[in-house]
Amino acid sequence: MICPHAETTAILAVFDEAPADFDDHIAGCHTCQAVVDEHRQTLAVITPVLSVPPIRAAPRLRYWPAVALLIAAATVLLILRQPPPSQPSLSLNTLDPSHDHALLSMELELALLELED
């Protein structure tokens, strides 16, 4: 026989929330007693699992702005430590008379400007 309390008050009894006089009903009702026993066994299995603290997430990197600044500073230092690119010097010995007259004229002007500096 199925008891109407098996799905309601019997479950409350598992958590000690059933009315006080329901203990007398459980003592005489095998269906309700079976429901209470089954739920208590289930709780006995899952309670240790529920009491384990959750796994903490990996800590966040709080110092990322400082790390980014250090990387930027190191990059600037590397750029500044590089020797400046060598600039070819223009001399009159490099002029080839076979060049176009306008080009020759500009090269001469540049050579004169370099001599003035």
PDB file of N, CA and C in Angstrom:
ATOM      1  N   MET A   1       0.843  -1.182   0.000  1.00  0.00           N
ATOM      2  CA  MET A   1       0.000   0.000   0.000  1.00  0.00           C
ATOM      3  C   MET A   1       0.887   1.244   0.000  1.00  0.00           C
ATOM      4  N   ILE A   2       0.537   2.229  -0.780  1.00  0.00           N
ATOM      5  CA  ILE A   2       1.301   3.464  -0.866  1.00  0.00           C
ATOM      6  C   ILE A   2       0.670   4.497   0.063  1.00  0.00           C
ATOM      7  N   CYS A   3       1.513   5.070   0.914  1.00  0.00           N
ATOM      8  CA  CYS A   3       1.038   6.060   1.876  1.00  0.00           C
ATOM      9  C   CYS A   3       1.071   7.444   1.244  1.00  0.00           C
ATOM     10  N   PRO A   4       0.034   8.263   1.450  1.00  0.00           N
ATOM     11  CA  PRO A   4       0.034   9.614   0.874  1.00  0.00           C
ATOM     12  C   PRO A   4       1.097  10.525   1.494  1.00  0.00           C
ATOM     13  N   HIS A   5       1.649  10.137   2.620  1.00  0.00           N
ATOM     14  CA  HIS A   5       2.668  10.949   3.282  1.00  0.00           C
ATOM     15  C   HIS A   5       4.081  10.634   2.788  1.00  0.00           C
ATOM     16  N   ALA A   6       4.231   9.592   1.951  1.00  0.00           N
ATOM     17  CA  ALA A   6       5.554   9.127   1.537  1.00  0.00           C
ATOM     18  C   ALA A   6       6.297  10.176   0.704  1.00  0.00           C
ATOM     19  N   GLU A   7       5.574  10.999  -0.019  1.00  0.00           N
ATOM     20  CA  GLU A   7       6.221  11.996  -0.878  1.00  0.00           C
ATOM     21  C   GLU A   7       6.172  13.411  -0.298  1.00  0.00           C
ATOM     22  N   THR A   8       5.615  13.548   0.872  1.00  0.00           N
ATOM     23  CA  THR A   8       5.512  14.897   1.452  1.00  0.00           C
ATOM     24  C   THR A   8       6.119  14.939   2.845  1.00  0.00           C
ATOM     25  N   THR A   9       5.346  14.545   3.826  1.00  0.00           N
ATOM     26  CA  THR A   9       5.764  14.671   5.219  1.00  0.00           C
ATOM     27  C   THR A   9       6.936  13.756   5.548  1.00  0.00           C
ATOM     28  N   ALA A  10       7.051  12.611   4.872  1.00  0.00           N
ATOM     29  CA  ALA A  10       8.169  11.705   5.136  1.00  0.00           C
ATOM     30  C   ALA A  10       9.487  12.369   4.726  1.00  0.00           C
ATOM     31  N   ILE A  11       9.463  13.123   3.665  1.00  0.00           N
ATOM     32  CA  ILE A  11      10.682  13.832   3.236  1.00  0.00           C
ATOM     33  C   ILE A  11      11.016  14.946   4.228  1.00  0.00           C
ATOM     34  N   LEU A  12       9.993  15.593   4.780  1.00  0.00           N
ATOM     35  CA  LEU A  12      10.236  16.597   5.814  1.00  0.00           C
ATOM     36  C   LEU A  12      10.865  15.963   7.050  1.00  0.00           C
ATOM     37  N   ALA A  13      10.479  14.725   7.324  1.00  0.00           N
ATOM     38  CA  ALA A  13      11.018  14.032   8.495  1.00  0.00           C
ATOM     39  C   ALA A  13      12.516  13.768   8.348  1.00  0.00           C
ATOM     40  N   VAL A  14      12.984  13.589   7.117  1.00  0.00           N
ATOM     41  CA  VAL A  14      14.421  13.380   6.884  1.00  0.00           C
ATOM     42  C   VAL A  14      15.215  14.569   7.410  1.00  0.00           C
ATOM     43  N   PHE A  15      14.662  15.767   7.249  1.00  0.00           N
ATOM     44  CA  PHE A  15      15.346  16.999   7.669  1.00  0.00           C
ATOM     45  C   PHE A  15      14.860  17.489   9.030  1.00  0.00           C
ATOM     46  N   ASP A  16      14.164  16.639   9.763  1.00  0.00           N
ATOM     47  CA  ASP A  16      13.620  16.961  11.083  1.00  0.00           C
ATOM     48  C   ASP A  16      12.702  18.175  11.044  1.00  0.00           C
ATOM     49  N   GLU A  17      11.902  18.262   9.999  1.00  0.00           N
ATOM     50  CA  GLU A  17      10.965  19.377   9.863  1.00  0.00           C
ATOM     51  C   GLU A  17       9.503  18.905   9.851  1.00  0.00           C
ATOM     52  N   ALA A  18       9.281  17.645  10.085  1.00  0.00           N
ATOM     53  CA  ALA A  18       7.909  17.119  10.114  1.00  0.00           C
ATOM     54  C   ALA A  18       7.278  17.442  11.471  1.00  0.00           C
ATOM     55  N   PRO A  19       5.979  17.429  11.535  1.00  0.00           N
ATOM     56  CA  PRO A  19       5.327  17.649  12.820  1.00  0.00           C
ATOM     57  C   PRO A  19       5.776  16.584  13.838  1.00  0.00           C
ATOM     58  N   ALA A  20       5.740  16.942  15.098  1.00  0.00           N
ATOM     59  CA  ALA A  20       6.239  16.062  16.165  1.00  0.00           C
ATOM     60  C   ALA A  20       5.478  14.741  16.225  1.00  0.00           C
ATOM     61  N   ASP A  21       4.201  14.746  15.944  1.00  0.00           N
ATOM     62  CA  ASP A  21       3.422  13.513  16.036  1.00  0.00           C
ATOM     63  C   ASP A  21       3.640  12.600  14.825  1.00  0.00           C
ATOM     64  N   PHE A  22       4.423  13.020  13.835  1.00  0.00           N
ATOM     65  CA  PHE A  22       4.650  12.195  12.644  1.00  0.00           C
ATOM     66  C   PHE A  22       5.598  11.027  12.955  1.00  0.00           C
ATOM     67  N   ASP A  23       6.378  11.142  14.022  1.00  0.00           N
ATOM     68  CA  ASP A  23       7.268  10.045  14.420  1.00  0.00           C
ATOM     69  C   ASP A  23       6.457   8.779  14.715  1.00  0.00           C
ATOM     70  N   ASP A  24       5.274   8.948  15.304  1.00  0.00           N
ATOM     71  CA  ASP A  24       4.413   7.797  15.594  1.00  0.00           C
ATOM     72  C   ASP A  24       3.936   7.154  14.278  1.00  0.00           C
ATOM     73  N   HIS A  25       3.662   7.991  13.252  1.00  0.00           N
ATOM     74  CA  HIS A  25       3.212   7.469  11.955  1.00  0.00           C
ATOM     75  C   HIS A  25       4.336   6.668  11.287  1.00  0.00           C
ATOM     76  N   ILE A  26       5.559   7.199  11.344  1.00  0.00           N
ATOM     77  CA  ILE A  26       6.695   6.509  10.710  1.00  0.00           C
ATOM     78  C   ILE A  26       6.932   5.152  11.379  1.00  0.00           C
ATOM     79  N   ALA A  27       6.742   5.100  12.673  1.00  0.00           N
ATOM     80  CA  ALA A  27       6.965   3.836  13.386  1.00  0.00           C
ATOM     81  C   ALA A  27       6.015   2.747  12.906  1.00  0.00           C
ATOM     82  N   GLY A  28       4.814   3.125  12.450  1.00  0.00           N
ATOM     83  CA  GLY A  28       3.834   2.127  12.013  1.00  0.00           C
ATOM     84  C   GLY A  28       3.704   2.007  10.507  1.00  0.00           C
ATOM     85  N   CYS A  29       4.306   2.910   9.740  1.00  0.00           N
ATOM     86  CA  CYS A  29       4.157   2.894   8.269  1.00  0.00           C
ATOM     87  C   CYS A  29       5.477   2.491   7.632  1.00  0.00           C
ATOM     88  N   HIS A  30       5.488   1.304   7.036  1.00  0.00           N
ATOM     89  CA  HIS A  30       6.720   0.808   6.422  1.00  0.00           C
ATOM     90  C   HIS A  30       7.104   1.610   5.177  1.00  0.00           C
ATOM     91  N   THR A  31       6.138   2.131   4.438  1.00  0.00           N
ATOM     92  CA  THR A  31       6.422   2.920   3.233  1.00  0.00           C
ATOM     93  C   THR A  31       7.141   4.217   3.600  1.00  0.00           C
ATOM     94  N   CYS A  32       6.603   4.927   4.586  1.00  0.00           N
ATOM     95  CA  CYS A  32       7.233   6.184   5.011  1.00  0.00           C
ATOM     96  C   CYS A  32       8.596   5.916   5.629  1.00  0.00           C
ATOM     97  N   GLN A  33       8.720   4.820   6.399  1.00  0.00           N
ATOM     98  CA  GLN A  33      10.008   4.466   7.006  1.00  0.00           C
ATOM     99  C   GLN A  33      11.048   4.195   5.922  1.00  0.00           C
ATOM    100  N   ALA A  34      10.645   3.517   4.841  1.00  0.00           N
ATOM    101  CA  ALA A  34      11.573   3.220   3.739  1.00  0.00           C
ATOM    102  C   ALA A  34      12.021   4.511   3.039  1.00  0.00           C
ATOM    103  N   VAL A  35      11.097   5.450   2.849  1.00  0.00           N
ATOM    104  CA  VAL A  35      11.440   6.731   2.218  1.00  0.00           C
ATOM    105  C   VAL A  35      12.435   7.499   3.087  1.00  0.00           C
ATOM    106  N   VAL A  36      12.180   7.556   4.375  1.00  0.00           N
ATOM    107  CA  VAL A  36      13.067   8.275   5.298  1.00  0.00           C
ATOM    108  C   VAL A  36      14.449   7.621   5.309  1.00  0.00           C
ATOM    109  N   ASP A  37      14.495   6.295   5.382  1.00  0.00           N
ATOM    110  CA  ASP A  37      15.793   5.593   5.403  1.00  0.00           C
ATOM    111  C   ASP A  37      16.573   5.829   4.105  1.00  0.00           C
ATOM    112  N   GLU A  38      15.878   5.743   2.974  1.00  0.00           N
ATOM    113  CA  GLU A  38      16.551   5.938   1.680  1.00  0.00           C
ATOM    114  C   GLU A  38      17.131   7.347   1.558  1.00  0.00           C
ATOM    115  N   HIS A  39      16.359   8.341   1.969  1.00  0.00           N
ATOM    116  CA  HIS A  39      16.843   9.725   1.870  1.00  0.00           C
ATOM    117  C   HIS A  39      17.994   9.976   2.852  1.00  0.00           C
ATOM    118  N   ARG A  40      17.931   9.382   4.018  1.00  0.00           N
ATOM    119  CA  ARG A  40      19.027   9.559   4.986  1.00  0.00           C
ATOM    120  C   ARG A  40      20.317   8.908   4.478  1.00  0.00           C
ATOM    121  N   GLN A  41      20.196   7.767   3.797  1.00  0.00           N
ATOM    122  CA  GLN A  41      21.379   7.126   3.206  1.00  0.00           C
ATOM    123  C   GLN A  41      21.973   8.015   2.103  1.00  0.00           C
ATOM    124  N   THR A  42      21.103   8.579   1.307  1.00  0.00           N
ATOM    125  CA  THR A  42      21.579   9.483   0.246  1.00  0.00           C
ATOM    126  C   THR A  42      22.283  10.685   0.842  1.00  0.00           C
ATOM    127  N   LEU A  43      21.697  11.265   1.883  1.00  0.00           N
ATOM    128  CA  LEU A  43      22.331  12.415   2.537  1.00  0.00           C
ATOM    129  C   LEU A  43      23.663  12.043   3.167  1.00  0.00           C
ATOM    130  N   ALA A  44      23.758  10.824   3.686  1.00  0.00           N
ATOM    131  CA  ALA A  44      25.017  10.387   4.285  1.00  0.00           C
ATOM    132  C   ALA A  44      26.125  10.308   3.239  1.00  0.00           C
ATOM    133  N   VAL A  45      25.746  10.003   2.001  1.00  0.00           N
ATOM    134  CA  VAL A  45      26.739   9.914   0.932  1.00  0.00           C
ATOM    135  C   VAL A  45      27.130  11.297   0.413  1.00  0.00           C
ATOM    136  N   ILE A  46      26.157  12.180   0.234  1.00  0.00           N
ATOM    137  CA  ILE A  46      26.472  13.470  -0.403  1.00  0.00           C
ATOM    138  C   ILE A  46      26.908  14.557   0.583  1.00  0.00           C
ATOM    139  N   THR A  47      26.620  14.409   1.863  1.00  0.00           N
ATOM    140  CA  THR A  47      26.994  15.442   2.834  1.00  0.00           C
ATOM    141  C   THR A  47      28.502  15.691   2.868  1.00  0.00           C
ATOM    142  N   PRO A  48      29.362  14.664   2.871  1.00  0.00           N
ATOM    143  CA  PRO A  48      30.807  14.946   2.853  1.00  0.00           C
ATOM    144  C   PRO A  48      31.240  15.685   1.587  1.00  0.00           C
ATOM    145  N   VAL A  49      30.604  15.373   0.489  1.00  0.00           N
ATOM    146  CA  VAL A  49      30.959  16.045  -0.766  1.00  0.00           C
ATOM    147  C   VAL A  49      30.552  17.512  -0.717  1.00  0.00           C
ATOM    148  N   LEU A  50      29.395  17.775  -0.134  1.00  0.00           N
ATOM    149  CA  LEU A  50      28.917  19.152  -0.054  1.00  0.00           C
ATOM    150  C   LEU A  50      29.722  19.995   0.926  1.00  0.00           C
ATOM    151  N   SER A  51      30.361  19.335   1.900  1.00  0.00           N
ATOM    152  CA  SER A  51      31.112  20.096   2.891  1.00  0.00           C
ATOM    153  C   SER A  51      32.535  20.420   2.445  1.00  0.00           C
ATOM    154  N   VAL A  52      32.981  19.855   1.323  1.00  0.00           N
ATOM    155  CA  VAL A  52      34.321  20.153   0.807  1.00  0.00           C
ATOM    156  C   VAL A  52      34.307  21.574   0.236  1.00  0.00           C
ATOM    157  N   PRO A  53      35.292  22.388   0.616  1.00  0.00           N
ATOM    158  CA  PRO A  53      35.306  23.742   0.081  1.00  0.00           C
ATOM    159  C   PRO A  53      35.522  23.730  -1.437  1.00  0.00           C
ATOM    160  N   PRO A  54      34.944  24.669  -2.127  1.00  0.00           N
ATOM    161  CA  PRO A  54      35.094  24.696  -3.586  1.00  0.00           C
ATOM    162  C   PRO A  54      36.548  24.993  -3.971  1.00  0.00           C
ATOM    163  N   ILE A  55      36.916  24.522  -5.126  1.00  0.00           N
ATOM    164  CA  ILE A  55      38.269  24.764  -5.629  1.00  0.00           C
ATOM    165  C   ILE A  55      38.383  26.235  -5.993  1.00  0.00           C
ATOM    166  N   ARG A  56      39.430  26.854  -5.489  1.00  0.00           N
ATOM    167  CA  ARG A  56      39.622  28.278  -5.764  1.00  0.00           C
ATOM    168  C   ARG A  56      40.168  28.464  -7.170  1.00  0.00           C
ATOM    169  N   ALA A  57      39.722  29.500  -7.789  1.00  0.00           N
ATOM    170  CA  ALA A  57      40.228  29.828  -9.119  1.00  0.00           C
ATOM    171  C   ALA A  57      41.666  30.315  -8.995  1.00  0.00           C
ATOM    172  N   ALA A  58      42.377  30.245 -10.078  1.00  0.00           N
ATOM    173  CA  ALA A  58      43.769  30.711 -10.076  1.00  0.00           C
ATOM    174  C   ALA A  58      43.791  32.192  -9.722  1.00  0.00           C
ATOM    175  N   PRO A  59      44.772  32.614  -8.947  1.00  0.00           N
ATOM    176  CA  PRO A  59      44.819  34.025  -8.574  1.00  0.00           C
ATOM    177  C   PRO A  59      45.019  34.914  -9.803  1.00  0.00           C
ATOM    178  N   ARG A  60      44.387  36.047  -9.751  1.00  0.00           N
ATOM    179  CA  ARG A  60      44.507  36.992 -10.858  1.00  0.00           C
ATOM    180  C   ARG A  60      45.837  37.721 -10.757  1.00  0.00           C
ATOM    181  N   LEU A  61      46.360  38.050 -11.889  1.00  0.00           N
ATOM    182  CA  LEU A  61      47.617  38.783 -11.923  1.00  0.00           C
ATOM    183  C   LEU A  61      47.304  40.246 -11.637  1.00  0.00           C
ATOM    184  N   ARG A  62      47.633  40.677 -10.413  1.00  0.00           N
ATOM    185  CA  ARG A  62      47.306  42.042 -10.007  1.00  0.00           C
ATOM    186  C   ARG A  62      48.352  43.048 -10.453  1.00  0.00           C
ATOM    187  N   TYR A  63      49.490  42.551 -10.826  1.00  0.00           N
ATOM    188  CA  TYR A  63      50.590  43.465 -11.133  1.00  0.00           C
ATOM    189  C   TYR A  63      50.822  43.607 -12.629  1.00  0.00           C
ATOM    190  N   TRP A  64      49.816  43.306 -13.446  1.00  0.00           N
ATOM    191  CA  TRP A  64      50.014  43.379 -14.888  1.00  0.00           C
ATOM    192  C   TRP A  64      50.368  44.773 -15.370  1.00  0.00           C
ATOM    193  N   PRO A  65      49.855  45.873 -14.787  1.00  0.00           N
ATOM    194  CA  PRO A  65      50.297  47.188 -15.281  1.00  0.00           C
ATOM    195  C   PRO A  65      51.793  47.398 -15.051  1.00  0.00           C
ATOM    196  N   ALA A  66      52.306  46.944 -13.913  1.00  0.00           N
ATOM    197  CA  ALA A  66      53.742  47.103 -13.646  1.00  0.00           C
ATOM    198  C   ALA A  66      54.557  46.242 -14.604  1.00  0.00           C
ATOM    199  N   VAL A  67      54.093  45.041 -14.880  1.00  0.00           N
ATOM    200  CA  VAL A  67      54.796  44.168 -15.814  1.00  0.00           C
ATOM    201  C   VAL A  67      54.802  44.787 -17.209  1.00  0.00           C
ATOM    202  N   ALA A  68      53.676  45.336 -17.635  1.00  0.00           N
ATOM    203  CA  ALA A  68      53.599  45.977 -18.950  1.00  0.00           C
ATOM    204  C   ALA A  68      54.547  47.173 -19.020  1.00  0.00           C
ATOM    205  N   LEU A  69      54.633  47.940 -17.941  1.00  0.00           N
ATOM    206  CA  LEU A  69      55.532  49.090 -17.910  1.00  0.00           C
ATOM    207  C   LEU A  69      56.991  48.642 -17.997  1.00  0.00           C
ATOM    208  N   LEU A  70      57.345  47.585 -17.292  1.00  0.00           N
ATOM    209  CA  LEU A  70      58.716  47.073 -17.355  1.00  0.00           C
ATOM    210  C   LEU A  70      59.063  46.560 -18.751  1.00  0.00           C
ATOM    211  N   ILE A  71      58.136  45.912 -19.398  1.00  0.00           N
ATOM    212  CA  ILE A  71      58.377  45.433 -20.759  1.00  0.00           C
ATOM    213  C   ILE A  71      58.573  46.606 -21.707  1.00  0.00           C
ATOM    214  N   ALA A  72      57.746  47.646 -21.559  1.00  0.00           N
ATOM    215  CA  ALA A  72      57.880  48.827 -22.415  1.00  0.00           C
ATOM    216  C   ALA A  72      59.224  49.523 -22.171  1.00  0.00           C
ATOM    217  N   ALA A  73      59.631  49.630 -20.906  1.00  0.00           N
ATOM    218  CA  ALA A  73      60.907  50.276 -20.591  1.00  0.00           C
ATOM    219  C   ALA A  73      62.073  49.476 -21.163  1.00  0.00           C
ATOM    220  N   ALA A  74      62.016  48.160 -21.060  1.00  0.00           N
ATOM    221  CA  ALA A  74      63.080  47.324 -21.618  1.00  0.00           C
ATOM    222  C   ALA A  74      63.155  47.474 -23.131  1.00  0.00           C
ATOM    223  N   THR A  75      62.007  47.585 -23.778  1.00  0.00           N
ATOM    224  CA  THR A  75      61.987  47.771 -25.227  1.00  0.00           C
ATOM    225  C   THR A  75      62.621  49.094 -25.611  1.00  0.00           C
ATOM    226  N   VAL A  76      62.286  50.159 -24.883  1.00  0.00           N
ATOM    227  CA  VAL A  76      62.867  51.478 -25.168  1.00  0.00           C
ATOM    228  C   VAL A  76      64.375  51.438 -24.964  1.00  0.00           C
ATOM    229  N   LEU A  77      64.835  50.793 -23.891  1.00  0.00           N
ATOM    230  CA  LEU A  77      66.276  50.706 -23.650  1.00  0.00           C
ATOM    231  C   LEU A  77      66.992  49.946 -24.759  1.00  0.00           C
ATOM    232  N   LEU A  78      66.386  48.879 -25.229  1.00  0.00           N
ATOM    233  CA  LEU A  78      66.998  48.132 -26.323  1.00  0.00           C
ATOM    234  C   LEU A  78      67.094  48.972 -27.592  1.00  0.00           C
ATOM    235  N   ILE A  79      66.078  49.758 -27.857  1.00  0.00           N
ATOM    236  CA  ILE A  79      66.095  50.619 -29.044  1.00  0.00           C
ATOM    237  C   ILE A  79      67.156  51.694 -28.900  1.00  0.00           C
ATOM    238  N   LEU A  80      67.265  52.285 -27.708  1.00  0.00           N
ATOM    239  CA  LEU A  80      68.236  53.360 -27.503  1.00  0.00           C
ATOM    240  C   LEU A  80      69.671  52.850 -27.517  1.00  0.00           C
ATOM    241  N   ARG A  81      69.896  51.609 -27.134  1.00  0.00           N
ATOM    242  CA  ARG A  81      71.255  51.075 -27.090  1.00  0.00           C
ATOM    243  C   ARG A  81      71.786  50.689 -28.458  1.00  0.00           C
ATOM    244  N   GLN A  82      70.910  50.605 -29.450  1.00  0.00           N
ATOM    245  CA  GLN A  82      71.374  50.254 -30.788  1.00  0.00           C
ATOM    246  C   GLN A  82      72.150  51.433 -31.370  1.00  0.00           C
ATOM    247  N   PRO A  83      73.253  51.150 -32.073  1.00  0.00           N
ATOM    248  CA  PRO A  83      74.003  52.254 -32.679  1.00  0.00           C
ATOM    249  C   PRO A  83      73.173  52.886 -33.791  1.00  0.00           C
ATOM    250  N   PRO A  84      73.368  54.172 -33.967  1.00  0.00           N
ATOM    251  CA  PRO A  84      72.603  54.828 -35.037  1.00  0.00           C
ATOM    252  C   PRO A  84      73.032  54.275 -36.392  1.00  0.00           C
ATOM    253  N   PRO A  85      72.120  54.268 -37.328  1.00  0.00           N
ATOM    254  CA  PRO A  85      72.486  53.760 -38.651  1.00  0.00           C
ATOM    255  C   PRO A  85      73.580  54.636 -39.256  1.00  0.00           C
ATOM    256  N   SER A  86      74.523  54.014 -39.918  1.00  0.00           N
ATOM    257  CA  SER A  86      75.616  54.792 -40.517  1.00  0.00           C
ATOM    258  C   SER A  86      75.082  55.550 -41.719  1.00  0.00           C
ATOM    259  N   GLN A  87      75.493  56.802 -41.793  1.00  0.00           N
ATOM    260  CA  GLN A  87      75.047  57.652 -42.889  1.00  0.00           C
ATOM    261  C   GLN A  87      76.171  57.719 -43.920  1.00  0.00           C
ATOM    262  N   PRO A  88      75.855  57.416 -45.123  1.00  0.00           N
ATOM    263  CA  PRO A  88      76.891  57.486 -46.137  1.00  0.00           C
ATOM    264  C   PRO A  88      77.304  58.949 -46.354  1.00  0.00           C
ATOM    265  N   SER A  89      78.584  59.154 -46.399  1.00  0.00           N
ATOM    266  CA  SER A  89      79.057  60.519 -46.636  1.00  0.00           C
ATOM    267  C   SER A  89      79.216  60.743 -48.131  1.00  0.00           C
ATOM    268  N   LEU A  90      78.864  61.889 -48.538  1.00  0.00           N
ATOM    269  CA  LEU A  90      78.943  62.246 -49.951  1.00  0.00           C
ATOM    270  C   LEU A  90      80.265  62.971 -50.177  1.00  0.00           C
ATOM    271  N   SER A  91      81.042  62.449 -51.014  1.00  0.00           N
ATOM    272  CA  SER A  91      82.309  63.117 -51.335  1.00  0.00           C
ATOM    273  C   SER A  91      82.377  63.348 -52.828  1.00  0.00           C
ATOM    274  N   LEU A  92      83.269  64.225 -53.193  1.00  0.00           N
ATOM    275  CA  LEU A  92      83.409  64.557 -54.615  1.00  0.00           C
ATOM    276  C   LEU A  92      83.991  63.388 -55.393  1.00  0.00           C
ATOM    277  N   ASN A  93      84.642  62.459 -54.683  1.00  0.00           N
ATOM    278  CA  ASN A  93      85.220  61.293 -55.369  1.00  0.00           C
ATOM    279  C   ASN A  93      84.152  60.342 -55.876  1.00  0.00           C
ATOM    280  N   THR A  94      82.940  60.382 -55.264  1.00  0.00           N
ATOM    281  CA  THR A  94      81.877  59.473 -55.687  1.00  0.00           C
ATOM    282  C   THR A  94      81.106  59.992 -56.878  1.00  0.00           C
ATOM    283  N   LEU A  95      81.350  61.219 -57.262  1.00  0.00           N
ATOM    284  CA  LEU A  95      80.606  61.800 -58.382  1.00  0.00           C
ATOM    285  C   LEU A  95      81.128  61.218 -59.694  1.00  0.00           C
ATOM    286  N   ASP A  96      80.228  60.827 -60.492  1.00  0.00           N
ATOM    287  CA  ASP A  96      80.562  60.266 -61.797  1.00  0.00           C
ATOM    288  C   ASP A  96      80.140  61.272 -62.856  1.00  0.00           C
ATOM    289  N   PRO A  97      81.086  61.778 -63.671  1.00  0.00           N
ATOM    290  CA  PRO A  97      80.737  62.803 -64.659  1.00  0.00           C
ATOM    291  C   PRO A  97      79.755  62.307 -65.703  1.00  0.00           C
ATOM    292  N   SER A  98      79.524  61.019 -65.782  1.00  0.00           N
ATOM    293  CA  SER A  98      78.597  60.519 -66.794  1.00  0.00           C
ATOM    294  C   SER A  98      77.137  60.685 -66.375  1.00  0.00           C
ATOM    295  N   HIS A  99      76.905  61.105 -65.113  1.00  0.00           N
ATOM    296  CA  HIS A  99      75.522  61.313 -64.654  1.00  0.00           C
ATOM    297  C   HIS A  99      74.902  62.489 -65.368  1.00  0.00           C
ATOM    298  N   ASP A 100      73.641  62.555 -65.247  1.00  0.00           N
ATOM    299  CA  ASP A 100      72.891  63.668 -65.816  1.00  0.00           C
ATOM    300  C   ASP A 100      73.379  64.982 -65.200  1.00  0.00           C
ATOM    301  N   HIS A 101      73.351  66.049 -65.939  1.00  0.00           N
ATOM    302  CA  HIS A 101      73.846  67.340 -65.478  1.00  0.00           C
ATOM    303  C   HIS A 101      73.069  67.848 -64.251  1.00  0.00           C
ATOM    304  N   ALA A 102      71.755  67.654 -64.221  1.00  0.00           N
ATOM    305  CA  ALA A 102      70.941  68.112 -63.081  1.00  0.00           C
ATOM    306  C   ALA A 102      71.291  67.320 -61.835  1.00  0.00           C
ATOM    307  N   LEU A 103      71.480  66.033 -61.968  1.00  0.00           N
ATOM    308  CA  LEU A 103      71.851  65.200 -60.846  1.00  0.00           C
ATOM    309  C   LEU A 103      73.234  65.578 -60.335  1.00  0.00           C
ATOM    310  N   LEU A 104      74.135  65.842 -61.236  1.00  0.00           N
ATOM    311  CA  LEU A 104      75.483  66.248 -60.857  1.00  0.00           C
ATOM    312  C   LEU A 104      75.452  67.572 -60.114  1.00  0.00           C
ATOM    313  N   SER A 105      74.601  68.451 -60.535  1.00  0.00           N
ATOM    314  CA  SER A 105      74.474  69.757 -59.901  1.00  0.00           C
ATOM    315  C   SER A 105      73.944  69.612 -58.471  1.00  0.00           C
ATOM    316  N   MET A 106      72.951  68.754 -58.305  1.00  0.00           N
ATOM    317  CA  MET A 106      72.397  68.549 -56.959  1.00  0.00           C
ATOM    318  C   MET A 106      73.416  67.883 -56.049  1.00  0.00           C
ATOM    319  N   GLU A 107      74.158  66.926 -56.545  1.00  0.00           N
ATOM    320  CA  GLU A 107      75.160  66.264 -55.732  1.00  0.00           C
ATOM    321  C   GLU A 107      76.244  67.233 -55.296  1.00  0.00           C
ATOM    322  N   LEU A 108      76.611  68.149 -56.183  1.00  0.00           N
ATOM    323  CA  LEU A 108      77.616  69.156 -55.829  1.00  0.00           C
ATOM    324  C   LEU A 108      77.093  70.093 -54.736  1.00  0.00           C
ATOM    325  N   GLU A 109      75.831  70.484 -54.862  1.00  0.00           N
ATOM    326  CA  GLU A 109      75.237  71.363 -53.843  1.00  0.00           C
ATOM    327  C   GLU A 109      75.199  70.663 -52.486  1.00  0.00           C
ATOM    328  N   LEU A 110      74.816  69.393 -52.474  1.00  0.00           N
ATOM    329  CA  LEU A 110      74.786  68.642 -51.221  1.00  0.00           C
ATOM    330  C   LEU A 110      76.184  68.508 -50.628  1.00  0.00           C
ATOM    331  N   ALA A 111      77.169  68.281 -51.480  1.00  0.00           N
ATOM    332  CA  ALA A 111      78.539  68.159 -50.992  1.00  0.00           C
ATOM    333  C   ALA A 111      79.020  69.489 -50.402  1.00  0.00           C
ATOM    334  N   LEU A 112      78.646  70.596 -51.020  1.00  0.00           N
ATOM    335  CA  LEU A 112      79.023  71.904 -50.490  1.00  0.00           C
ATOM    336  C   LEU A 112      78.341  72.184 -49.148  1.00  0.00           C
ATOM    337  N   LEU A 113      77.064  71.803 -49.054  1.00  0.00           N
ATOM    338  CA  LEU A 113      76.342  71.999 -47.788  1.00  0.00           C
ATOM    339  C   LEU A 113      76.981  71.173 -46.680  1.00  0.00           C
ATOM    340  N   GLU A 114      77.417  69.976 -46.996  1.00  0.00           N
ATOM    341  CA  GLU A 114      78.062  69.152 -45.991  1.00  0.00           C
ATOM    342  C   GLU A 114      79.398  69.746 -45.562  1.00  0.00           C
ATOM    343  N   LEU A 115      80.092  70.348 -46.467  1.00  0.00           N
ATOM    344  CA  LEU A 115      81.365  70.987 -46.118  1.00  0.00           C
ATOM    345  C   LEU A 115      81.132  72.205 -45.246  1.00  0.00           C
ATOM    346  N   GLU A 116      80.048  72.914 -45.442  1.00  0.00           N
ATOM    347  CA  GLU A 116      79.776  74.114 -44.654  1.00  0.00           C
ATOM    348  C   GLU A 116      79.433  73.750 -43.207  1.00  0.00           C
ATOM    349  N   ASP A 117      78.854  72.569 -42.987  1.00  0.00           N
ATOM    350  CA  ASP A 117      78.484  72.175 -41.621  1.00  0.00           C
ATOM    351  C   ASP A 117      79.699  71.802 -40.901  1.00  0.00           C
TER     352      ASP A 117
END
